[in-house]
Each structure stands twice: as C-alpha cells, then as structure tokens.
Amino acid sequence: MPKQVDHAERRALIADAVLAVIARSGLEEASVRHVAAEAGVSVGMVQHYFRSKDEMMRFALERISAGVEERLSGVGELSARAMLRALFLQLLPLDEQRTREGRVALEFISYATVRPELGGELRDNARALREYFAAQIDGGPLAPEPAATGLLAMLEGLGVQVLSGQLAPDDAVAAFDAYLGVVFGPAE
C-alpha cells in the first residue's frame, strides 16, 4: 500500500521552516537549501512544493496572515475601538510567536523594495487594513481615511521600535491606546 502524503501538512512544514530561517537569519538566508535543512526534508521536496523562492515566500507570508486571523477569530463581538486594539495586540511583537512574525514581516517589507511583484501583495494587504480601519473609525471625530493611515503607520512604527528594543511593549501599547483616544475620543 503506498504511503499517504498530506500535502497541506508538508507545505505548512516548509512554510514554518521559511519563517524560522527568516526570523533567525534574515531573508537572504532563506534559500531552498537552508529551508530544507530547517524543515528536515530534502531540497527536492521543497522544490516539489514550491517552484521558486518567491512562491515559498508568498506562502509563508500567507501563513502569518492566517495565524493572525485565527488568533482574532476568538475575540468575539467588540466595539470598533476594542476591535482595533485587539488587532493591534495581535500584530505587535508581544511574545515569541508575534516577535517572529514581526521580524519576518519587516524582512518582507524590505524584500518588497527590490521585488516589486511581492510589493504588490504587501500594498494590497496594507490597503485592506487601511480600509478596515477606516470602516471602524467612520463616524468618529476624525476623517476615517487619514485616521486609518495614521493607525497603520503607528502600528508599523511601534512594531519596529519594539522589535529593535527602542521601546518596551507596554509603552507601545500605551502609545497606541493614546492614539485611539484621539481617533475615538476618551475611553468610556
């Protein structure tokens, strides 16, 4: 009887190896050879599931997004302000997993500056986040689009500052909460 192979599980194993290599050593080290070694599989297996490094990178980025969405799925019904704060807390590098995701995201942003095709996906993700933020803010004291752009910039900037050790996570959360006060008015 031939061995049954779970292709989704193998792709996930390889994607997790990509994330581990990038978080530890940077994007330039995420070669097929290094990823295969991290995953404990052959180079041929990695090449079987991903035809190119870019395809491997895209899948790993999608895996991060899916993880954030999964963590957010359990928050339940929240006010717009509370939902934006919950999202921020899932994206800010507050623990080992989110720190790894933050490092990888930062590497992808850098990578996109020289790989325009990947940059398109990142731009689409950022646009979708801004639109989501603007929809949550609509009706507040600030115009939704500029306020949403400010929230996204603050999220990314605070994340970089926490990742680089320039700012403690608690201080980043306090700064974000203060900006939410500007966007939505004082907390009730």
N, C-alpha and C. Protein backbone atom coordinates (compact mmCIF):
# COMPACT_ATOMS: atom_id res chain seq x y z
N MET A 1 0.85 -1.18 0.00
CA MET A 1 0.00 0.00 0.00
C MET A 1 0.89 1.24 0.00
N PRO A 2 0.70 2.17 -0.95
CA PRO A 2 1.51 3.39 -0.98
C PRO A 2 1.25 4.26 0.24
N LYS A 3 2.31 4.93 0.67
CA LYS A 3 2.20 5.83 1.82
C LYS A 3 1.34 7.04 1.45
N GLN A 4 0.39 7.38 2.32
CA GLN A 4 -0.45 8.56 2.11
C GLN A 4 0.32 9.80 2.56
N VAL A 5 0.36 10.79 1.70
CA VAL A 5 1.08 12.02 1.98
C VAL A 5 0.09 13.15 2.16
N ASP A 6 0.23 13.89 3.24
CA ASP A 6 -0.61 15.05 3.49
C ASP A 6 0.14 16.26 2.91
N HIS A 7 -0.26 16.65 1.70
CA HIS A 7 0.46 17.73 1.00
C HIS A 7 0.32 19.07 1.72
N ALA A 8 -0.85 19.34 2.28
CA ALA A 8 -1.03 20.60 3.01
C ALA A 8 -0.12 20.64 4.23
N GLU A 9 0.02 19.51 4.91
CA GLU A 9 0.89 19.44 6.08
C GLU A 9 2.35 19.67 5.69
N ARG A 10 2.76 19.09 4.57
CA ARG A 10 4.15 19.29 4.11
C ARG A 10 4.41 20.75 3.71
N ARG A 11 3.45 21.36 3.02
CA ARG A 11 3.62 22.78 2.66
C ARG A 11 3.71 23.64 3.92
N ALA A 12 2.89 23.31 4.91
CA ALA A 12 2.91 24.06 6.18
C ALA A 12 4.25 23.86 6.89
N LEU A 13 4.77 22.64 6.88
CA LEU A 13 6.07 22.35 7.49
C LEU A 13 7.16 23.19 6.83
N ILE A 14 7.13 23.25 5.51
CA ILE A 14 8.13 24.03 4.78
C ILE A 14 7.95 25.52 5.04
N ALA A 15 6.70 25.98 5.06
CA ALA A 15 6.45 27.41 5.33
C ALA A 15 6.92 27.78 6.73
N ASP A 16 6.69 26.92 7.70
CA ASP A 16 7.17 27.20 9.06
C ASP A 16 8.69 27.25 9.10
N ALA A 17 9.34 26.41 8.30
CA ALA A 17 10.80 26.44 8.22
C ALA A 17 11.27 27.75 7.59
N VAL A 18 10.56 28.22 6.57
CA VAL A 18 10.89 29.51 5.95
C VAL A 18 10.82 30.61 7.00
N LEU A 19 9.74 30.62 7.77
CA LEU A 19 9.56 31.65 8.79
C LEU A 19 10.66 31.58 9.84
N ALA A 20 11.03 30.37 10.25
CA ALA A 20 12.08 30.21 11.26
C ALA A 20 13.42 30.71 10.74
N VAL A 21 13.76 30.38 9.50
CA VAL A 21 15.03 30.82 8.92
C VAL A 21 15.05 32.34 8.80
N ILE A 22 13.97 32.91 8.29
CA ILE A 22 13.93 34.37 8.11
C ILE A 22 14.01 35.08 9.45
N ALA A 23 13.25 34.62 10.43
CA ALA A 23 13.25 35.28 11.75
C ALA A 23 14.61 35.20 12.41
N ARG A 24 15.32 34.11 12.20
CA ARG A 24 16.61 33.92 12.85
C ARG A 24 17.76 34.57 12.08
N SER A 25 17.73 34.47 10.73
CA SER A 25 18.90 34.85 9.95
C SER A 25 18.66 35.86 8.85
N GLY A 26 17.41 36.23 8.63
CA GLY A 26 17.10 37.19 7.58
C GLY A 26 16.69 36.51 6.28
N LEU A 27 16.07 37.28 5.43
CA LEU A 27 15.52 36.78 4.19
C LEU A 27 16.57 36.22 3.25
N GLU A 28 17.74 36.84 3.23
CA GLU A 28 18.78 36.38 2.31
C GLU A 28 19.23 34.95 2.61
N GLU A 29 19.00 34.49 3.83
CA GLU A 29 19.38 33.12 4.20
C GLU A 29 18.29 32.10 3.91
N ALA A 30 17.14 32.56 3.44
CA ALA A 30 16.01 31.66 3.20
C ALA A 30 16.14 30.99 1.83
N SER A 31 17.28 30.33 1.61
CA SER A 31 17.47 29.58 0.38
C SER A 31 16.75 28.25 0.49
N VAL A 32 16.54 27.62 -0.64
CA VAL A 32 15.90 26.31 -0.64
C VAL A 32 16.70 25.35 0.23
N ARG A 33 18.01 25.40 0.14
CA ARG A 33 18.88 24.50 0.91
C ARG A 33 18.71 24.72 2.41
N HIS A 34 18.74 26.00 2.84
CA HIS A 34 18.59 26.30 4.27
C HIS A 34 17.20 25.94 4.79
N VAL A 35 16.19 26.20 3.97
CA VAL A 35 14.81 25.87 4.37
C VAL A 35 14.65 24.36 4.48
N ALA A 36 15.19 23.62 3.52
CA ALA A 36 15.11 22.16 3.58
C ALA A 36 15.78 21.63 4.84
N ALA A 37 16.95 22.16 5.17
CA ALA A 37 17.65 21.72 6.38
C ALA A 37 16.83 22.04 7.63
N GLU A 38 16.25 23.24 7.68
CA GLU A 38 15.42 23.63 8.83
C GLU A 38 14.21 22.71 8.98
N ALA A 39 13.60 22.35 7.86
CA ALA A 39 12.39 21.50 7.89
C ALA A 39 12.72 20.03 8.05
N GLY A 40 14.00 19.67 7.84
CA GLY A 40 14.39 18.27 7.92
C GLY A 40 13.91 17.45 6.73
N VAL A 41 13.85 18.10 5.58
CA VAL A 41 13.42 17.44 4.35
C VAL A 41 14.48 17.66 3.27
N SER A 42 14.29 17.02 2.13
CA SER A 42 15.26 17.17 1.04
C SER A 42 15.01 18.47 0.26
N VAL A 43 16.04 18.93 -0.40
CA VAL A 43 15.91 20.09 -1.29
C VAL A 43 14.87 19.80 -2.36
N GLY A 44 14.88 18.56 -2.86
CA GLY A 44 13.92 18.16 -3.89
C GLY A 44 12.48 18.28 -3.41
N MET A 45 12.25 17.96 -2.14
CA MET A 45 10.88 18.08 -1.62
C MET A 45 10.44 19.54 -1.59
N VAL A 46 11.33 20.42 -1.14
CA VAL A 46 11.00 21.85 -1.12
C VAL A 46 10.68 22.31 -2.53
N GLN A 47 11.51 21.91 -3.49
CA GLN A 47 11.30 22.32 -4.88
C GLN A 47 10.03 21.70 -5.47
N HIS A 48 9.63 20.55 -4.97
CA HIS A 48 8.40 19.92 -5.43
C HIS A 48 7.19 20.77 -5.04
N TYR A 49 7.21 21.30 -3.84
CA TYR A 49 6.07 22.06 -3.34
C TYR A 49 6.10 23.54 -3.71
N PHE A 50 7.29 24.07 -3.95
CA PHE A 50 7.43 25.50 -4.29
C PHE A 50 8.38 25.62 -5.46
N ARG A 51 7.88 26.14 -6.57
CA ARG A 51 8.68 26.24 -7.79
C ARG A 51 9.74 27.32 -7.72
N SER A 52 9.54 28.30 -6.84
CA SER A 52 10.51 29.39 -6.75
C SER A 52 10.60 29.90 -5.31
N LYS A 53 11.65 30.64 -5.04
CA LYS A 53 11.80 31.25 -3.72
C LYS A 53 10.66 32.22 -3.45
N ASP A 54 10.28 33.00 -4.46
CA ASP A 54 9.18 33.94 -4.29
C ASP A 54 7.88 33.23 -3.92
N GLU A 55 7.61 32.09 -4.55
CA GLU A 55 6.40 31.34 -4.23
C GLU A 55 6.45 30.85 -2.79
N MET A 56 7.61 30.39 -2.37
CA MET A 56 7.80 29.94 -1.00
C MET A 56 7.57 31.10 -0.03
N MET A 57 8.10 32.28 -0.38
CA MET A 57 7.96 33.46 0.47
C MET A 57 6.49 33.90 0.56
N ARG A 58 5.80 33.90 -0.56
CA ARG A 58 4.38 34.29 -0.55
C ARG A 58 3.57 33.38 0.36
N PHE A 59 3.82 32.08 0.25
CA PHE A 59 3.07 31.14 1.07
C PHE A 59 3.36 31.36 2.54
N ALA A 60 4.61 31.61 2.88
CA ALA A 60 4.97 31.87 4.28
C ALA A 60 4.27 33.13 4.79
N LEU A 61 4.21 34.17 3.96
CA LEU A 61 3.52 35.41 4.33
C LEU A 61 2.03 35.15 4.54
N GLU A 62 1.44 34.34 3.67
CA GLU A 62 0.03 33.98 3.83
C GLU A 62 -0.19 33.22 5.14
N ARG A 63 0.78 32.42 5.51
CA ARG A 63 0.68 31.64 6.76
C ARG A 63 0.66 32.57 7.98
N ILE A 64 1.45 33.64 7.92
CA ILE A 64 1.43 34.62 9.01
C ILE A 64 0.04 35.26 9.10
N SER A 65 -0.48 35.70 7.96
CA SER A 65 -1.80 36.33 7.93
C SER A 65 -2.87 35.39 8.48
N ALA A 66 -2.81 34.14 8.09
CA ALA A 66 -3.79 33.16 8.57
C ALA A 66 -3.68 32.98 10.09
N GLY A 67 -2.47 33.01 10.61
CA GLY A 67 -2.27 32.88 12.06
C GLY A 67 -2.88 34.05 12.82
N VAL A 68 -2.68 35.27 12.29
CA VAL A 68 -3.27 36.45 12.93
C VAL A 68 -4.79 36.36 12.89
N GLU A 69 -5.34 35.99 11.73
CA GLU A 69 -6.79 35.86 11.61
C GLU A 69 -7.33 34.81 12.57
N GLU A 70 -6.61 33.70 12.70
CA GLU A 70 -7.06 32.65 13.61
C GLU A 70 -7.07 33.14 15.06
N ARG A 71 -6.02 33.86 15.45
CA ARG A 71 -5.98 34.39 16.83
C ARG A 71 -7.10 35.40 17.06
N LEU A 72 -7.44 36.17 16.04
CA LEU A 72 -8.50 37.17 16.18
C LEU A 72 -9.89 36.54 16.16
N SER A 73 -10.02 35.35 15.62
CA SER A 73 -11.34 34.75 15.48
C SER A 73 -12.00 34.48 16.83
N GLY A 74 -11.21 34.38 17.88
CA GLY A 74 -11.78 34.09 19.18
C GLY A 74 -12.11 35.30 20.03
N VAL A 75 -11.98 36.51 19.49
CA VAL A 75 -12.20 37.68 20.33
C VAL A 75 -13.68 38.03 20.50
N GLY A 76 -14.55 37.52 19.66
CA GLY A 76 -15.98 37.78 19.80
C GLY A 76 -16.37 39.17 19.31
N GLU A 77 -17.57 39.58 19.67
CA GLU A 77 -18.12 40.87 19.26
C GLU A 77 -17.51 41.98 20.12
N LEU A 78 -16.90 42.95 19.47
CA LEU A 78 -16.28 44.06 20.18
C LEU A 78 -16.69 45.38 19.53
N SER A 79 -16.55 46.45 20.28
CA SER A 79 -16.75 47.77 19.69
C SER A 79 -15.62 48.00 18.68
N ALA A 80 -15.78 48.99 17.82
CA ALA A 80 -14.76 49.29 16.82
C ALA A 80 -13.42 49.58 17.49
N ARG A 81 -13.45 50.38 18.52
CA ARG A 81 -12.22 50.73 19.25
C ARG A 81 -11.56 49.48 19.83
N ALA A 82 -12.35 48.63 20.48
CA ALA A 82 -11.82 47.41 21.09
C ALA A 82 -11.30 46.44 20.03
N MET A 83 -11.97 46.39 18.88
CA MET A 83 -11.51 45.51 17.81
C MET A 83 -10.17 45.98 17.25
N LEU A 84 -10.02 47.28 17.05
CA LEU A 84 -8.73 47.80 16.56
C LEU A 84 -7.62 47.54 17.57
N ARG A 85 -7.94 47.67 18.83
CA ARG A 85 -6.94 47.40 19.88
C ARG A 85 -6.58 45.92 19.89
N ALA A 86 -7.57 45.05 19.76
CA ALA A 86 -7.32 43.61 19.72
C ALA A 86 -6.45 43.24 18.53
N LEU A 87 -6.73 43.85 17.38
CA LEU A 87 -5.92 43.61 16.19
C LEU A 87 -4.49 44.09 16.42
N PHE A 88 -4.35 45.27 16.98
CA PHE A 88 -3.02 45.81 17.28
C PHE A 88 -2.24 44.86 18.19
N LEU A 89 -2.90 44.35 19.21
CA LEU A 89 -2.23 43.44 20.15
C LEU A 89 -1.82 42.13 19.48
N GLN A 90 -2.54 41.73 18.44
CA GLN A 90 -2.16 40.52 17.72
C GLN A 90 -1.01 40.77 16.75
N LEU A 91 -0.82 42.00 16.33
CA LEU A 91 0.24 42.32 15.37
C LEU A 91 1.52 42.83 16.04
N LEU A 92 1.40 43.35 17.24
CA LEU A 92 2.57 43.87 17.96
C LEU A 92 3.40 42.70 18.49
N PRO A 93 4.73 42.77 18.41
CA PRO A 93 5.58 41.66 18.87
C PRO A 93 5.63 41.58 20.40
N LEU A 94 4.60 41.00 20.99
CA LEU A 94 4.48 40.92 22.45
C LEU A 94 4.91 39.57 23.02
N ASP A 95 5.10 38.57 22.17
CA ASP A 95 5.56 37.26 22.64
C ASP A 95 6.45 36.67 21.55
N GLU A 96 6.93 35.46 21.79
CA GLU A 96 7.88 34.85 20.87
C GLU A 96 7.30 34.67 19.47
N GLN A 97 6.07 34.18 19.39
CA GLN A 97 5.45 33.95 18.08
C GLN A 97 5.26 35.27 17.32
N ARG A 98 4.71 36.28 17.98
CA ARG A 98 4.47 37.56 17.31
C ARG A 98 5.77 38.30 17.02
N THR A 99 6.80 38.07 17.83
CA THR A 99 8.11 38.65 17.53
C THR A 99 8.66 38.03 16.26
N ARG A 100 8.55 36.72 16.15
CA ARG A 100 9.00 36.03 14.93
C ARG A 100 8.23 36.56 13.72
N GLU A 101 6.91 36.68 13.86
CA GLU A 101 6.10 37.19 12.75
C GLU A 101 6.49 38.63 12.40
N GLY A 102 6.76 39.44 13.41
CA GLY A 102 7.17 40.83 13.17
C GLY A 102 8.50 40.91 12.44
N ARG A 103 9.45 40.08 12.84
CA ARG A 103 10.75 40.06 12.15
C ARG A 103 10.59 39.66 10.70
N VAL A 104 9.76 38.64 10.48
CA VAL A 104 9.53 38.17 9.11
C VAL A 104 8.83 39.26 8.30
N ALA A 105 7.82 39.90 8.87
CA ALA A 105 7.10 40.96 8.15
C ALA A 105 8.05 42.10 7.77
N LEU A 106 8.93 42.46 8.69
CA LEU A 106 9.90 43.52 8.41
C LEU A 106 10.84 43.10 7.28
N GLU A 107 11.25 41.85 7.27
CA GLU A 107 12.10 41.34 6.19
C GLU A 107 11.36 41.40 4.85
N PHE A 108 10.06 41.05 4.87
CA PHE A 108 9.29 41.08 3.64
C PHE A 108 9.12 42.50 3.12
N ILE A 109 8.92 43.44 4.00
CA ILE A 109 8.79 44.83 3.57
C ILE A 109 10.08 45.28 2.90
N SER A 110 11.20 44.93 3.50
CA SER A 110 12.50 45.25 2.90
C SER A 110 12.66 44.54 1.55
N TYR A 111 12.30 43.28 1.49
CA TYR A 111 12.40 42.48 0.27
C TYR A 111 11.55 43.10 -0.85
N ALA A 112 10.39 43.60 -0.48
CA ALA A 112 9.47 44.17 -1.47
C ALA A 112 10.03 45.43 -2.12
N THR A 113 10.98 46.08 -1.47
CA THR A 113 11.55 47.26 -2.09
C THR A 113 12.38 46.92 -3.32
N VAL A 114 12.83 45.66 -3.42
CA VAL A 114 13.61 45.24 -4.58
C VAL A 114 12.89 44.20 -5.43
N ARG A 115 11.75 43.70 -4.95
CA ARG A 115 10.94 42.73 -5.69
C ARG A 115 9.53 43.29 -5.84
N PRO A 116 9.30 44.12 -6.84
CA PRO A 116 8.01 44.79 -6.99
C PRO A 116 6.80 43.86 -7.01
N GLU A 117 6.95 42.64 -7.53
CA GLU A 117 5.80 41.74 -7.58
C GLU A 117 5.34 41.34 -6.18
N LEU A 118 6.24 41.17 -5.25
CA LEU A 118 5.85 40.90 -3.87
C LEU A 118 5.34 42.18 -3.22
N GLY A 119 5.90 43.30 -3.60
CA GLY A 119 5.45 44.59 -3.07
C GLY A 119 3.99 44.83 -3.35
N GLY A 120 3.50 44.34 -4.48
CA GLY A 120 2.08 44.49 -4.82
C GLY A 120 1.19 43.81 -3.79
N GLU A 121 1.58 42.63 -3.37
CA GLU A 121 0.80 41.91 -2.36
C GLU A 121 0.83 42.65 -1.03
N LEU A 122 1.98 43.17 -0.66
CA LEU A 122 2.08 43.92 0.59
C LEU A 122 1.25 45.20 0.52
N ARG A 123 1.29 45.86 -0.64
CA ARG A 123 0.47 47.06 -0.80
C ARG A 123 -1.01 46.72 -0.69
N ASP A 124 -1.42 45.60 -1.30
CA ASP A 124 -2.82 45.18 -1.21
C ASP A 124 -3.21 44.90 0.24
N ASN A 125 -2.33 44.24 0.99
CA ASN A 125 -2.60 43.96 2.40
C ASN A 125 -2.72 45.24 3.20
N ALA A 126 -1.82 46.19 2.96
CA ALA A 126 -1.85 47.46 3.68
C ALA A 126 -3.12 48.24 3.33
N ARG A 127 -3.50 48.23 2.04
CA ARG A 127 -4.72 48.92 1.62
C ARG A 127 -5.93 48.30 2.30
N ALA A 128 -5.98 46.97 2.36
CA ALA A 128 -7.11 46.29 3.00
C ALA A 128 -7.17 46.64 4.49
N LEU A 129 -6.03 46.70 5.15
CA LEU A 129 -6.01 47.08 6.56
C LEU A 129 -6.50 48.51 6.75
N ARG A 130 -5.99 49.43 5.90
CA ARG A 130 -6.44 50.83 5.99
C ARG A 130 -7.95 50.93 5.78
N GLU A 131 -8.47 50.20 4.80
CA GLU A 131 -9.91 50.24 4.55
C GLU A 131 -10.69 49.68 5.75
N TYR A 132 -10.18 48.62 6.33
CA TYR A 132 -10.83 48.05 7.51
C TYR A 132 -10.80 49.05 8.65
N PHE A 133 -9.63 49.65 8.89
CA PHE A 133 -9.50 50.66 9.95
C PHE A 133 -10.46 51.81 9.69
N ALA A 134 -10.52 52.30 8.45
CA ALA A 134 -11.39 53.44 8.11
C ALA A 134 -12.85 53.09 8.35
N ALA A 135 -13.25 51.86 8.03
CA ALA A 135 -14.64 51.45 8.26
C ALA A 135 -14.95 51.43 9.76
N GLN A 136 -13.98 51.07 10.59
CA GLN A 136 -14.19 51.04 12.04
C GLN A 136 -14.26 52.47 12.60
N ILE A 137 -13.52 53.37 12.00
CA ILE A 137 -13.40 54.75 12.50
C ILE A 137 -14.56 55.61 12.03
N ASP A 138 -15.20 55.24 10.94
CA ASP A 138 -16.25 56.06 10.33
C ASP A 138 -17.25 56.53 11.39
N GLY A 139 -17.46 57.81 11.44
CA GLY A 139 -18.38 58.39 12.42
C GLY A 139 -17.68 59.00 13.62
N GLY A 140 -16.37 58.84 13.70
CA GLY A 140 -15.62 59.42 14.80
C GLY A 140 -15.29 60.87 14.53
N PRO A 141 -14.54 61.52 15.44
CA PRO A 141 -14.23 62.94 15.27
C PRO A 141 -13.23 63.24 14.16
N LEU A 142 -12.48 62.24 13.70
CA LEU A 142 -11.51 62.44 12.62
C LEU A 142 -12.03 61.85 11.32
N ALA A 143 -11.51 62.37 10.20
CA ALA A 143 -11.84 61.78 8.91
C ALA A 143 -11.29 60.35 8.87
N PRO A 144 -12.08 59.38 8.44
CA PRO A 144 -11.67 57.99 8.53
C PRO A 144 -10.37 57.63 7.79
N GLU A 145 -10.19 58.11 6.57
CA GLU A 145 -9.02 57.69 5.79
C GLU A 145 -7.70 58.18 6.40
N PRO A 146 -7.55 59.46 6.73
CA PRO A 146 -6.29 59.88 7.34
C PRO A 146 -6.08 59.24 8.72
N ALA A 147 -7.15 59.08 9.48
CA ALA A 147 -7.01 58.44 10.79
C ALA A 147 -6.58 56.98 10.63
N ALA A 148 -7.11 56.29 9.64
CA ALA A 148 -6.73 54.90 9.38
C ALA A 148 -5.28 54.81 8.94
N THR A 149 -4.85 55.74 8.11
CA THR A 149 -3.45 55.76 7.68
C THR A 149 -2.54 55.99 8.88
N GLY A 150 -2.95 56.88 9.78
CA GLY A 150 -2.18 57.12 10.99
C GLY A 150 -2.10 55.89 11.88
N LEU A 151 -3.22 55.16 12.00
CA LEU A 151 -3.23 53.94 12.80
C LEU A 151 -2.28 52.89 12.23
N LEU A 152 -2.32 52.72 10.91
CA LEU A 152 -1.45 51.73 10.28
C LEU A 152 0.02 52.13 10.44
N ALA A 153 0.32 53.41 10.23
CA ALA A 153 1.70 53.87 10.40
C ALA A 153 2.16 53.71 11.84
N MET A 154 1.27 53.99 12.76
CA MET A 154 1.62 53.83 14.17
C MET A 154 1.85 52.36 14.51
N LEU A 155 0.99 51.50 14.03
CA LEU A 155 1.14 50.07 14.25
C LEU A 155 2.50 49.60 13.74
N GLU A 156 2.83 49.94 12.51
CA GLU A 156 4.09 49.50 11.93
C GLU A 156 5.29 50.13 12.64
N GLY A 157 5.21 51.42 12.92
CA GLY A 157 6.32 52.10 13.59
C GLY A 157 6.55 51.59 15.01
N LEU A 158 5.48 51.40 15.75
CA LEU A 158 5.63 50.87 17.11
C LEU A 158 6.17 49.45 17.08
N GLY A 159 5.73 48.67 16.11
CA GLY A 159 6.24 47.30 15.97
C GLY A 159 7.74 47.29 15.73
N VAL A 160 8.21 48.16 14.85
CA VAL A 160 9.65 48.25 14.56
C VAL A 160 10.40 48.69 15.81
N GLN A 161 9.85 49.65 16.54
CA GLN A 161 10.53 50.13 17.75
C GLN A 161 10.60 49.04 18.82
N VAL A 162 9.56 48.24 18.95
CA VAL A 162 9.61 47.14 19.92
C VAL A 162 10.60 46.07 19.45
N LEU A 163 10.54 45.72 18.17
CA LEU A 163 11.46 44.71 17.64
C LEU A 163 12.92 45.10 17.81
N SER A 164 13.21 46.38 17.65
CA SER A 164 14.60 46.84 17.74
C SER A 164 15.02 47.19 19.16
N GLY A 165 14.12 47.04 20.12
CA GLY A 165 14.45 47.30 21.51
C GLY A 165 14.45 48.77 21.89
N GLN A 166 13.94 49.63 21.02
CA GLN A 166 13.89 51.06 21.30
C GLN A 166 12.73 51.42 22.23
N LEU A 167 11.76 50.52 22.31
CA LEU A 167 10.55 50.81 23.07
C LEU A 167 10.06 49.52 23.72
N ALA A 168 9.66 49.62 24.97
CA ALA A 168 9.11 48.45 25.66
C ALA A 168 7.70 48.18 25.14
N PRO A 169 7.30 46.91 25.09
CA PRO A 169 5.95 46.59 24.60
C PRO A 169 4.84 47.35 25.34
N ASP A 170 4.94 47.48 26.65
CA ASP A 170 3.90 48.20 27.41
C ASP A 170 3.81 49.66 26.98
N ASP A 171 4.95 50.27 26.69
CA ASP A 171 4.95 51.65 26.23
C ASP A 171 4.32 51.77 24.84
N ALA A 172 4.55 50.77 24.00
CA ALA A 172 3.94 50.77 22.67
C ALA A 172 2.43 50.66 22.78
N VAL A 173 1.96 49.78 23.64
CA VAL A 173 0.51 49.63 23.84
C VAL A 173 -0.08 50.93 24.39
N ALA A 174 0.61 51.57 25.33
CA ALA A 174 0.12 52.84 25.89
C ALA A 174 0.05 53.92 24.82
N ALA A 175 1.05 53.97 23.94
CA ALA A 175 1.04 54.96 22.86
C ALA A 175 -0.12 54.70 21.90
N PHE A 176 -0.35 53.44 21.57
CA PHE A 176 -1.46 53.11 20.68
C PHE A 176 -2.79 53.45 21.34
N ASP A 177 -2.93 53.13 22.62
CA ASP A 177 -4.16 53.47 23.33
C ASP A 177 -4.39 54.99 23.33
N ALA A 178 -3.32 55.76 23.49
CA ALA A 178 -3.45 57.22 23.47
C ALA A 178 -3.95 57.69 22.10
N TYR A 179 -3.42 57.08 21.03
CA TYR A 179 -3.87 57.47 19.70
C TYR A 179 -5.32 57.06 19.46
N LEU A 180 -5.70 55.90 20.00
CA LEU A 180 -7.11 55.51 19.89
C LEU A 180 -8.00 56.55 20.56
N GLY A 181 -7.51 57.17 21.64
CA GLY A 181 -8.25 58.24 22.32
C GLY A 181 -8.42 59.44 21.41
N VAL A 182 -7.44 59.74 20.60
CA VAL A 182 -7.55 60.84 19.63
C VAL A 182 -8.56 60.49 18.55
N VAL A 183 -8.50 59.24 18.07
CA VAL A 183 -9.36 58.81 16.97
C VAL A 183 -10.82 58.67 17.41
N PHE A 184 -11.04 58.08 18.59
CA PHE A 184 -12.40 57.78 19.03
C PHE A 184 -12.91 58.68 20.14
N GLY A 185 -12.04 59.49 20.73
CA GLY A 185 -12.43 60.25 21.89
C GLY A 185 -12.07 59.46 23.15
N PRO A 186 -12.28 60.06 24.31
CA PRO A 186 -11.91 59.38 25.58
C PRO A 186 -12.60 58.04 25.72
N ALA A 187 -11.89 57.11 26.35
CA ALA A 187 -12.46 55.78 26.62
C ALA A 187 -13.61 55.93 27.60
N GLU A 188 -14.61 55.10 27.41
CA GLU A 188 -15.79 55.17 28.29
C GLU A 188 -15.61 54.36 29.52
